[in-house]
Amino acid sequence: MLASAGVPSLAADAPLLKLRPVPFTDVQIHDSFWSPRQEVNRTASLPLNFEMLEKSGNIRNLELAAAKATSGFTGPVFMDSDVH
């Protein structure tokens, strides 16, 4: 629908206008596809990834940065991107 100035107007009942944000804490997924994958991420993937970040020095570098250290860092300067 076009407004009088030739600019599209948004109808009050347009589907996108009915969307509203939902806090992620209000979302739960309980199905046969995603639930098992979430469980594997929670119990295996995330702990292993954190262990590897500790092992390679990424976490220690962030601890040094938080302590405002000026030495002791290891690896390339972009190692913090692996944590993010």
PDB file of N, CA and C in Angstrom:
ATOM      1  N   MET A   1       0.846  -1.176   0.000  1.00  0.00           N
ATOM      2  CA  MET A   1       0.000   0.000   0.000  1.00  0.00           C
ATOM      3  C   MET A   1       0.888   1.233   0.000  1.00  0.00           C
ATOM      4  N   LEU A   2       0.586   2.214  -0.819  1.00  0.00           N
ATOM      5  CA  LEU A   2       1.373   3.431  -0.906  1.00  0.00           C
ATOM      6  C   LEU A   2       0.670   4.568  -0.190  1.00  0.00           C
ATOM      7  N   ALA A   3       1.461   5.322   0.556  1.00  0.00           N
ATOM      8  CA  ALA A   3       0.925   6.518   1.207  1.00  0.00           C
ATOM      9  C   ALA A   3       0.791   7.615   0.168  1.00  0.00           C
ATOM     10  N   SER A   4       0.179   8.710   0.530  1.00  0.00           N
ATOM     11  CA  SER A   4      -0.084   9.786  -0.428  1.00  0.00           C
ATOM     12  C   SER A   4       1.194  10.370  -1.019  1.00  0.00           C
ATOM     13  N   ALA A   5       2.317  10.325  -0.317  1.00  0.00           N
ATOM     14  CA  ALA A   5       3.562  10.885  -0.822  1.00  0.00           C
ATOM     15  C   ALA A   5       4.339   9.868  -1.648  1.00  0.00           C
ATOM     16  N   GLY A   6       3.742   8.713  -1.929  1.00  0.00           N
ATOM     17  CA  GLY A   6       4.427   7.709  -2.716  1.00  0.00           C
ATOM     18  C   GLY A   6       5.359   6.835  -1.896  1.00  0.00           C
ATOM     19  N   VAL A   7       5.320   6.965  -0.588  1.00  0.00           N
ATOM     20  CA  VAL A   7       6.162   6.175   0.306  1.00  0.00           C
ATOM     21  C   VAL A   7       5.330   5.022   0.852  1.00  0.00           C
ATOM     22  N   PRO A   8       5.874   3.802   0.837  1.00  0.00           N
ATOM     23  CA  PRO A   8       5.108   2.678   1.358  1.00  0.00           C
ATOM     24  C   PRO A   8       4.714   2.907   2.823  1.00  0.00           C
ATOM     25  N   SER A   9       3.480   2.580   3.163  1.00  0.00           N
ATOM     26  CA  SER A   9       3.053   2.682   4.556  1.00  0.00           C
ATOM     27  C   SER A   9       2.991   1.277   5.140  1.00  0.00           C
ATOM     28  N   LEU A  10       3.148   1.192   6.429  1.00  0.00           N
ATOM     29  CA  LEU A  10       3.113  -0.097   7.105  1.00  0.00           C
ATOM     30  C   LEU A  10       1.721  -0.329   7.671  1.00  0.00           C
ATOM     31  N   ALA A  11       1.097  -1.378   7.260  1.00  0.00           N
ATOM     32  CA  ALA A  11      -0.220  -1.713   7.779  1.00  0.00           C
ATOM     33  C   ALA A  11      -0.070  -2.199   9.216  1.00  0.00           C
ATOM     34  N   ALA A  12      -1.010  -1.862  10.056  1.00  0.00           N
ATOM     35  CA  ALA A  12      -0.946  -2.232  11.468  1.00  0.00           C
ATOM     36  C   ALA A  12      -0.952  -3.740  11.656  1.00  0.00           C
ATOM     37  N   ASP A  13      -1.514  -4.472  10.724  1.00  0.00           N
ATOM     38  CA  ASP A  13      -1.577  -5.924  10.876  1.00  0.00           C
ATOM     39  C   ASP A  13      -0.498  -6.648  10.067  1.00  0.00           C
ATOM     40  N   ALA A  14       0.544  -5.929   9.654  1.00  0.00           N
ATOM     41  CA  ALA A  14       1.641  -6.570   8.919  1.00  0.00           C
ATOM     42  C   ALA A  14       2.296  -7.621   9.809  1.00  0.00           C
ATOM     43  N   PRO A  15       2.650  -8.794   9.267  1.00  0.00           N
ATOM     44  CA  PRO A  15       3.202  -9.878  10.086  1.00  0.00           C
ATOM     45  C   PRO A  15       4.425  -9.476  10.907  1.00  0.00           C
ATOM     46  N   LEU A  16       5.343  -8.703  10.332  1.00  0.00           N
ATOM     47  CA  LEU A  16       6.556  -8.344  11.062  1.00  0.00           C
ATOM     48  C   LEU A  16       6.279  -7.415  12.234  1.00  0.00           C
ATOM     49  N   LEU A  17       5.235  -6.633  12.140  1.00  0.00           N
ATOM     50  CA  LEU A  17       4.909  -5.732  13.243  1.00  0.00           C
ATOM     51  C   LEU A  17       4.372  -6.492  14.448  1.00  0.00           C
ATOM     52  N   LYS A  18       3.963  -7.718  14.253  1.00  0.00           N
ATOM     53  CA  LYS A  18       3.448  -8.516  15.361  1.00  0.00           C
ATOM     54  C   LYS A  18       4.570  -9.214  16.125  1.00  0.00           C
ATOM     55  N   LEU A  19       5.779  -9.198  15.577  1.00  0.00           N
ATOM     56  CA  LEU A  19       6.910  -9.825  16.250  1.00  0.00           C
ATOM     57  C   LEU A  19       7.327  -8.985  17.455  1.00  0.00           C
ATOM     58  N   ARG A  20       7.793  -9.643  18.477  1.00  0.00           N
ATOM     59  CA  ARG A  20       8.286  -8.935  19.655  1.00  0.00           C
ATOM     60  C   ARG A  20       9.497  -9.695  20.192  1.00  0.00           C
ATOM     61  N   PRO A  21      10.416  -8.988  20.828  1.00  0.00           N
ATOM     62  CA  PRO A  21      11.587  -9.673  21.379  1.00  0.00           C
ATOM     63  C   PRO A  21      11.192 -10.570  22.547  1.00  0.00           C
ATOM     64  N   VAL A  22      11.923 -11.658  22.690  1.00  0.00           N
ATOM     65  CA  VAL A  22      11.704 -12.590  23.785  1.00  0.00           C
ATOM     66  C   VAL A  22      13.038 -12.786  24.486  1.00  0.00           C
ATOM     67  N   PRO A  23      13.104 -12.601  25.804  1.00  0.00           N
ATOM     68  CA  PRO A  23      14.371 -12.842  26.502  1.00  0.00           C
ATOM     69  C   PRO A  23      14.817 -14.297  26.317  1.00  0.00           C
ATOM     70  N   PHE A  24      16.101 -14.492  26.087  1.00  0.00           N
ATOM     71  CA  PHE A  24      16.582 -15.854  25.839  1.00  0.00           C
ATOM     72  C   PHE A  24      16.316 -16.766  27.029  1.00  0.00           C
ATOM     73  N   THR A  25      16.184 -16.197  28.221  1.00  0.00           N
ATOM     74  CA  THR A  25      15.909 -17.010  29.401  1.00  0.00           C
ATOM     75  C   THR A  25      14.492 -17.576  29.392  1.00  0.00           C
ATOM     76  N   ASP A  26      13.644 -17.025  28.529  1.00  0.00           N
ATOM     77  CA  ASP A  26      12.265 -17.519  28.411  1.00  0.00           C
ATOM     78  C   ASP A  26      12.112 -18.579  27.319  1.00  0.00           C
ATOM     79  N   VAL A  27      13.212 -18.918  26.660  1.00  0.00           N
ATOM     80  CA  VAL A  27      13.149 -19.867  25.550  1.00  0.00           C
ATOM     81  C   VAL A  27      13.679 -21.223  26.008  1.00  0.00           C
ATOM     82  N   GLN A  28      12.916 -22.250  25.746  1.00  0.00           N
ATOM     83  CA  GLN A  28      13.343 -23.607  26.033  1.00  0.00           C
ATOM     84  C   GLN A  28      13.101 -24.461  24.793  1.00  0.00           C
ATOM     85  N   ILE A  29      14.063 -25.317  24.501  1.00  0.00           N
ATOM     86  CA  ILE A  29      13.934 -26.198  23.346  1.00  0.00           C
ATOM     87  C   ILE A  29      13.894 -27.629  23.846  1.00  0.00           C
ATOM     88  N   HIS A  30      12.786 -28.284  23.582  1.00  0.00           N
ATOM     89  CA  HIS A  30      12.610 -29.678  23.987  1.00  0.00           C
ATOM     90  C   HIS A  30      12.088 -30.455  22.780  1.00  0.00           C
ATOM     91  N   ASP A  31      12.994 -30.946  21.983  1.00  0.00           N
ATOM     92  CA  ASP A  31      12.576 -31.751  20.841  1.00  0.00           C
ATOM     93  C   ASP A  31      13.611 -32.837  20.574  1.00  0.00           C
ATOM     94  N   SER A  32      13.306 -33.697  19.643  1.00  0.00           N
ATOM     95  CA  SER A  32      14.189 -34.836  19.394  1.00  0.00           C
ATOM     96  C   SER A  32      15.394 -34.486  18.515  1.00  0.00           C
ATOM     97  N   PHE A  33      15.401 -33.301  17.912  1.00  0.00           N
ATOM     98  CA  PHE A  33      16.527 -32.919  17.064  1.00  0.00           C
ATOM     99  C   PHE A  33      17.530 -32.051  17.822  1.00  0.00           C
ATOM    100  N   TRP A  34      17.090 -30.903  18.363  1.00  0.00           N
ATOM    101  CA  TRP A  34      18.010 -29.959  18.980  1.00  0.00           C
ATOM    102  C   TRP A  34      18.395 -30.318  20.409  1.00  0.00           C
ATOM    103  N   SER A  35      17.509 -30.908  21.174  1.00  0.00           N
ATOM    104  CA  SER A  35      17.820 -31.222  22.574  1.00  0.00           C
ATOM    105  C   SER A  35      19.060 -32.097  22.730  1.00  0.00           C
ATOM    106  N   PRO A  36      19.198 -33.190  21.972  1.00  0.00           N
ATOM    107  CA  PRO A  36      20.422 -33.994  22.105  1.00  0.00           C
ATOM    108  C   PRO A  36      21.684 -33.222  21.719  1.00  0.00           C
ATOM    109  N   ARG A  37      21.580 -32.371  20.732  1.00  0.00           N
ATOM    110  CA  ARG A  37      22.748 -31.582  20.306  1.00  0.00           C
ATOM    111  C   ARG A  37      23.134 -30.568  21.371  1.00  0.00           C
ATOM    112  N   GLN A  38      22.147 -29.950  21.994  1.00  0.00           N
ATOM    113  CA  GLN A  38      22.437 -29.029  23.082  1.00  0.00           C
ATOM    114  C   GLN A  38      23.115 -29.754  24.241  1.00  0.00           C
ATOM    115  N   GLU A  39      22.668 -30.946  24.528  1.00  0.00           N
ATOM    116  CA  GLU A  39      23.256 -31.722  25.621  1.00  0.00           C
ATOM    117  C   GLU A  39      24.710 -32.088  25.322  1.00  0.00           C
ATOM    118  N   VAL A  40      25.006 -32.465  24.089  1.00  0.00           N
ATOM    119  CA  VAL A  40      26.388 -32.776  23.707  1.00  0.00           C
ATOM    120  C   VAL A  40      27.252 -31.524  23.827  1.00  0.00           C
ATOM    121  N   ASN A  41      26.737 -30.385  23.396  1.00  0.00           N
ATOM    122  CA  ASN A  41      27.495 -29.141  23.541  1.00  0.00           C
ATOM    123  C   ASN A  41      27.768 -28.835  25.008  1.00  0.00           C
ATOM    124  N   ARG A  42      26.749 -29.012  25.844  1.00  0.00           N
ATOM    125  CA  ARG A  42      26.881 -28.696  27.270  1.00  0.00           C
ATOM    126  C   ARG A  42      27.855 -29.637  27.969  1.00  0.00           C
ATOM    127  N   THR A  43      27.784 -30.910  27.674  1.00  0.00           N
ATOM    128  CA  THR A  43      28.563 -31.895  28.427  1.00  0.00           C
ATOM    129  C   THR A  43      29.908 -32.242  27.813  1.00  0.00           C
ATOM    130  N   ALA A  44      30.074 -32.034  26.522  1.00  0.00           N
ATOM    131  CA  ALA A  44      31.318 -32.462  25.867  1.00  0.00           C
ATOM    132  C   ALA A  44      32.030 -31.326  25.133  1.00  0.00           C
ATOM    133  N   SER A  45      31.357 -30.684  24.215  1.00  0.00           N
ATOM    134  CA  SER A  45      32.018 -29.688  23.367  1.00  0.00           C
ATOM    135  C   SER A  45      32.529 -28.484  24.148  1.00  0.00           C
ATOM    136  N   LEU A  46      31.686 -27.887  24.979  1.00  0.00           N
ATOM    137  CA  LEU A  46      32.114 -26.700  25.719  1.00  0.00           C
ATOM    138  C   LEU A  46      33.238 -27.002  26.704  1.00  0.00           C
ATOM    139  N   PRO A  47      33.135 -28.051  27.517  1.00  0.00           N
ATOM    140  CA  PRO A  47      34.265 -28.347  28.415  1.00  0.00           C
ATOM    141  C   PRO A  47      35.568 -28.650  27.666  1.00  0.00           C
ATOM    142  N   LEU A  48      35.487 -29.382  26.576  1.00  0.00           N
ATOM    143  CA  LEU A  48      36.696 -29.692  25.805  1.00  0.00           C
ATOM    144  C   LEU A  48      37.287 -28.424  25.196  1.00  0.00           C
ATOM    145  N   ASN A  49      36.443 -27.576  24.632  1.00  0.00           N
ATOM    146  CA  ASN A  49      36.943 -26.331  24.049  1.00  0.00           C
ATOM    147  C   ASN A  49      37.597 -25.446  25.103  1.00  0.00           C
ATOM    148  N   PHE A  50      36.987 -25.348  26.284  1.00  0.00           N
ATOM    149  CA  PHE A  50      37.584 -24.555  27.348  1.00  0.00           C
ATOM    150  C   PHE A  50      38.932 -25.142  27.763  1.00  0.00           C
ATOM    151  N   GLU A  51      38.993 -26.467  27.870  1.00  0.00           N
ATOM    152  CA  GLU A  51      40.251 -27.129  28.218  1.00  0.00           C
ATOM    153  C   GLU A  51      41.340 -26.806  27.192  1.00  0.00           C
ATOM    154  N   MET A  52      40.981 -26.831  25.932  1.00  0.00           N
ATOM    155  CA  MET A  52      41.957 -26.540  24.877  1.00  0.00           C
ATOM    156  C   MET A  52      42.407 -25.069  24.927  1.00  0.00           C
ATOM    157  N   LEU A  53      41.492 -24.162  25.245  1.00  0.00           N
ATOM    158  CA  LEU A  53      41.861 -22.751  25.376  1.00  0.00           C
ATOM    159  C   LEU A  53      42.798 -22.535  26.564  1.00  0.00           C
ATOM    160  N   GLU A  54      42.570 -23.270  27.636  1.00  0.00           N
ATOM    161  CA  GLU A  54      43.491 -23.200  28.775  1.00  0.00           C
ATOM    162  C   GLU A  54      44.855 -23.766  28.400  1.00  0.00           C
ATOM    163  N   LYS A  55      44.853 -24.909  27.744  1.00  0.00           N
ATOM    164  CA  LYS A  55      46.084 -25.599  27.374  1.00  0.00           C
ATOM    165  C   LYS A  55      46.954 -24.750  26.435  1.00  0.00           C
ATOM    166  N   SER A  56      46.317 -24.058  25.508  1.00  0.00           N
ATOM    167  CA  SER A  56      47.083 -23.281  24.520  1.00  0.00           C
ATOM    168  C   SER A  56      47.467 -21.886  25.016  1.00  0.00           C
ATOM    169  N   GLY A  57      46.974 -21.492  26.203  1.00  0.00           N
ATOM    170  CA  GLY A  57      47.388 -20.209  26.777  1.00  0.00           C
ATOM    171  C   GLY A  57      46.415 -19.067  26.549  1.00  0.00           C
ATOM    172  N   ASN A  58      45.334 -19.307  25.832  1.00  0.00           N
ATOM    173  CA  ASN A  58      44.379 -18.230  25.552  1.00  0.00           C
ATOM    174  C   ASN A  58      43.783 -17.644  26.835  1.00  0.00           C
ATOM    175  N   ILE A  59      43.365 -18.505  27.750  1.00  0.00           N
ATOM    176  CA  ILE A  59      42.737 -18.042  28.991  1.00  0.00           C
ATOM    177  C   ILE A  59      43.757 -17.295  29.844  1.00  0.00           C
ATOM    178  N   ARG A  60      44.962 -17.830  29.929  1.00  0.00           N
ATOM    179  CA  ARG A  60      46.025 -17.167  30.716  1.00  0.00           C
ATOM    180  C   ARG A  60      46.318 -15.786  30.159  1.00  0.00           C
ATOM    181  N   ASN A  61      46.341 -15.634  28.849  1.00  0.00           N
ATOM    182  CA  ASN A  61      46.567 -14.319  28.257  1.00  0.00           C
ATOM    183  C   ASN A  61      45.490 -13.328  28.685  1.00  0.00           C
ATOM    184  N   LEU A  62      44.238 -13.778  28.755  1.00  0.00           N
ATOM    185  CA  LEU A  62      43.164 -12.886  29.197  1.00  0.00           C
ATOM    186  C   LEU A  62      43.315 -12.546  30.679  1.00  0.00           C
ATOM    187  N   GLU A  63      43.753 -13.512  31.471  1.00  0.00           N
ATOM    188  CA  GLU A  63      43.995 -13.242  32.893  1.00  0.00           C
ATOM    189  C   GLU A  63      45.114 -12.215  33.058  1.00  0.00           C
ATOM    190  N   LEU A  64      46.159 -12.334  32.245  1.00  0.00           N
ATOM    191  CA  LEU A  64      47.249 -11.356  32.283  1.00  0.00           C
ATOM    192  C   LEU A  64      46.755  -9.976  31.867  1.00  0.00           C
ATOM    193  N   ALA A  65      45.933  -9.927  30.847  1.00  0.00           N
ATOM    194  CA  ALA A  65      45.384  -8.644  30.397  1.00  0.00           C
ATOM    195  C   ALA A  65      44.509  -8.021  31.480  1.00  0.00           C
ATOM    196  N   ALA A  66      43.709  -8.834  32.149  1.00  0.00           N
ATOM    197  CA  ALA A  66      42.850  -8.332  33.224  1.00  0.00           C
ATOM    198  C   ALA A  66      43.682  -7.788  34.382  1.00  0.00           C
ATOM    199  N   ALA A  67      44.856  -8.391  34.594  1.00  0.00           N
ATOM    200  CA  ALA A  67      45.749  -7.938  35.660  1.00  0.00           C
ATOM    201  C   ALA A  67      46.622  -6.764  35.206  1.00  0.00           C
ATOM    202  N   LYS A  68      46.437  -6.311  33.986  1.00  0.00           N
ATOM    203  CA  LYS A  68      47.208  -5.198  33.393  1.00  0.00           C
ATOM    204  C   LYS A  68      48.700  -5.507  33.319  1.00  0.00           C
ATOM    205  N   ALA A  69      49.006  -6.787  33.084  1.00  0.00           N
ATOM    206  CA  ALA A  69      50.405  -7.201  32.943  1.00  0.00           C
ATOM    207  C   ALA A  69      50.964  -6.662  31.634  1.00  0.00           C
ATOM    208  N   THR A  70      52.249  -6.441  31.610  1.00  0.00           N
ATOM    209  CA  THR A  70      52.897  -5.962  30.390  1.00  0.00           C
ATOM    210  C   THR A  70      53.820  -7.014  29.789  1.00  0.00           C
ATOM    211  N   SER A  71      53.862  -8.192  30.396  1.00  0.00           N
ATOM    212  CA  SER A  71      54.677  -9.277  29.843  1.00  0.00           C
ATOM    213  C   SER A  71      54.056 -10.608  30.233  1.00  0.00           C
ATOM    214  N   GLY A  72      54.590 -11.684  29.632  1.00  0.00           N
ATOM    215  CA  GLY A  72      54.122 -13.013  29.957  1.00  0.00           C
ATOM    216  C   GLY A  72      53.127 -13.583  28.960  1.00  0.00           C
ATOM    217  N   PHE A  73      52.717 -12.780  28.003  1.00  0.00           N
ATOM    218  CA  PHE A  73      51.760 -13.238  27.001  1.00  0.00           C
ATOM    219  C   PHE A  73      52.419 -14.232  26.056  1.00  0.00           C
ATOM    220  N   THR A  74      51.634 -15.197  25.566  1.00  0.00           N
ATOM    221  CA  THR A  74      52.164 -16.183  24.630  1.00  0.00           C
ATOM    222  C   THR A  74      51.302 -16.207  23.377  1.00  0.00           C
ATOM    223  N   GLY A  75      51.899 -16.652  22.292  1.00  0.00           N
ATOM    224  CA  GLY A  75      51.158 -16.805  21.040  1.00  0.00           C
ATOM    225  C   GLY A  75      50.978 -15.499  20.298  1.00  0.00           C
ATOM    226  N   PRO A  76      50.284 -15.560  19.163  1.00  0.00           N
ATOM    227  CA  PRO A  76      50.053 -14.357  18.362  1.00  0.00           C
ATOM    228  C   PRO A  76      49.089 -13.398  19.076  1.00  0.00           C
ATOM    229  N   VAL A  77      49.131 -12.136  18.683  1.00  0.00           N
ATOM    230  CA  VAL A  77      48.335 -11.105  19.361  1.00  0.00           C
ATOM    231  C   VAL A  77      46.827 -11.323  19.203  1.00  0.00           C
ATOM    232  N   PHE A  78      46.413 -12.104  18.229  1.00  0.00           N
ATOM    233  CA  PHE A  78      44.982 -12.298  17.987  1.00  0.00           C
ATOM    234  C   PHE A  78      44.419 -13.525  18.703  1.00  0.00           C
ATOM    235  N   MET A  79      45.160 -14.099  19.647  1.00  0.00           N
ATOM    236  CA  MET A  79      44.695 -15.311  20.334  1.00  0.00           C
ATOM    237  C   MET A  79      43.395 -15.108  21.109  1.00  0.00           C
ATOM    238  N   ASP A  80      43.143 -13.883  21.549  1.00  0.00           N
ATOM    239  CA  ASP A  80      41.917 -13.655  22.313  1.00  0.00           C
ATOM    240  C   ASP A  80      40.668 -13.860  21.452  1.00  0.00           C
ATOM    241  N   SER A  81      40.806 -13.742  20.144  1.00  0.00           N
ATOM    242  CA  SER A  81      39.640 -13.943  19.269  1.00  0.00           C
ATOM    243  C   SER A  81      39.138 -15.382  19.338  1.00  0.00           C
ATOM    244  N   ASP A  82      40.015 -16.343  19.652  1.00  0.00           N
ATOM    245  CA  ASP A  82      39.586 -17.728  19.794  1.00  0.00           C
ATOM    246  C   ASP A  82      38.624 -17.883  20.972  1.00  0.00           C
ATOM    247  N   VAL A  83      38.838 -17.131  22.020  1.00  0.00           N
ATOM    248  CA  VAL A  83      37.977 -17.187  23.201  1.00  0.00           C
ATOM    249  C   VAL A  83      36.618 -16.568  22.871  1.00  0.00           C
ATOM    250  N   HIS A  84      36.649 -15.487  22.161  1.00  0.00           N
ATOM    251  CA  HIS A  84      35.392 -14.807  21.820  1.00  0.00           C
ATOM    252  C   HIS A  84      34.615 -15.622  20.828  1.00  0.00           C
TER     253      HIS A  84
END
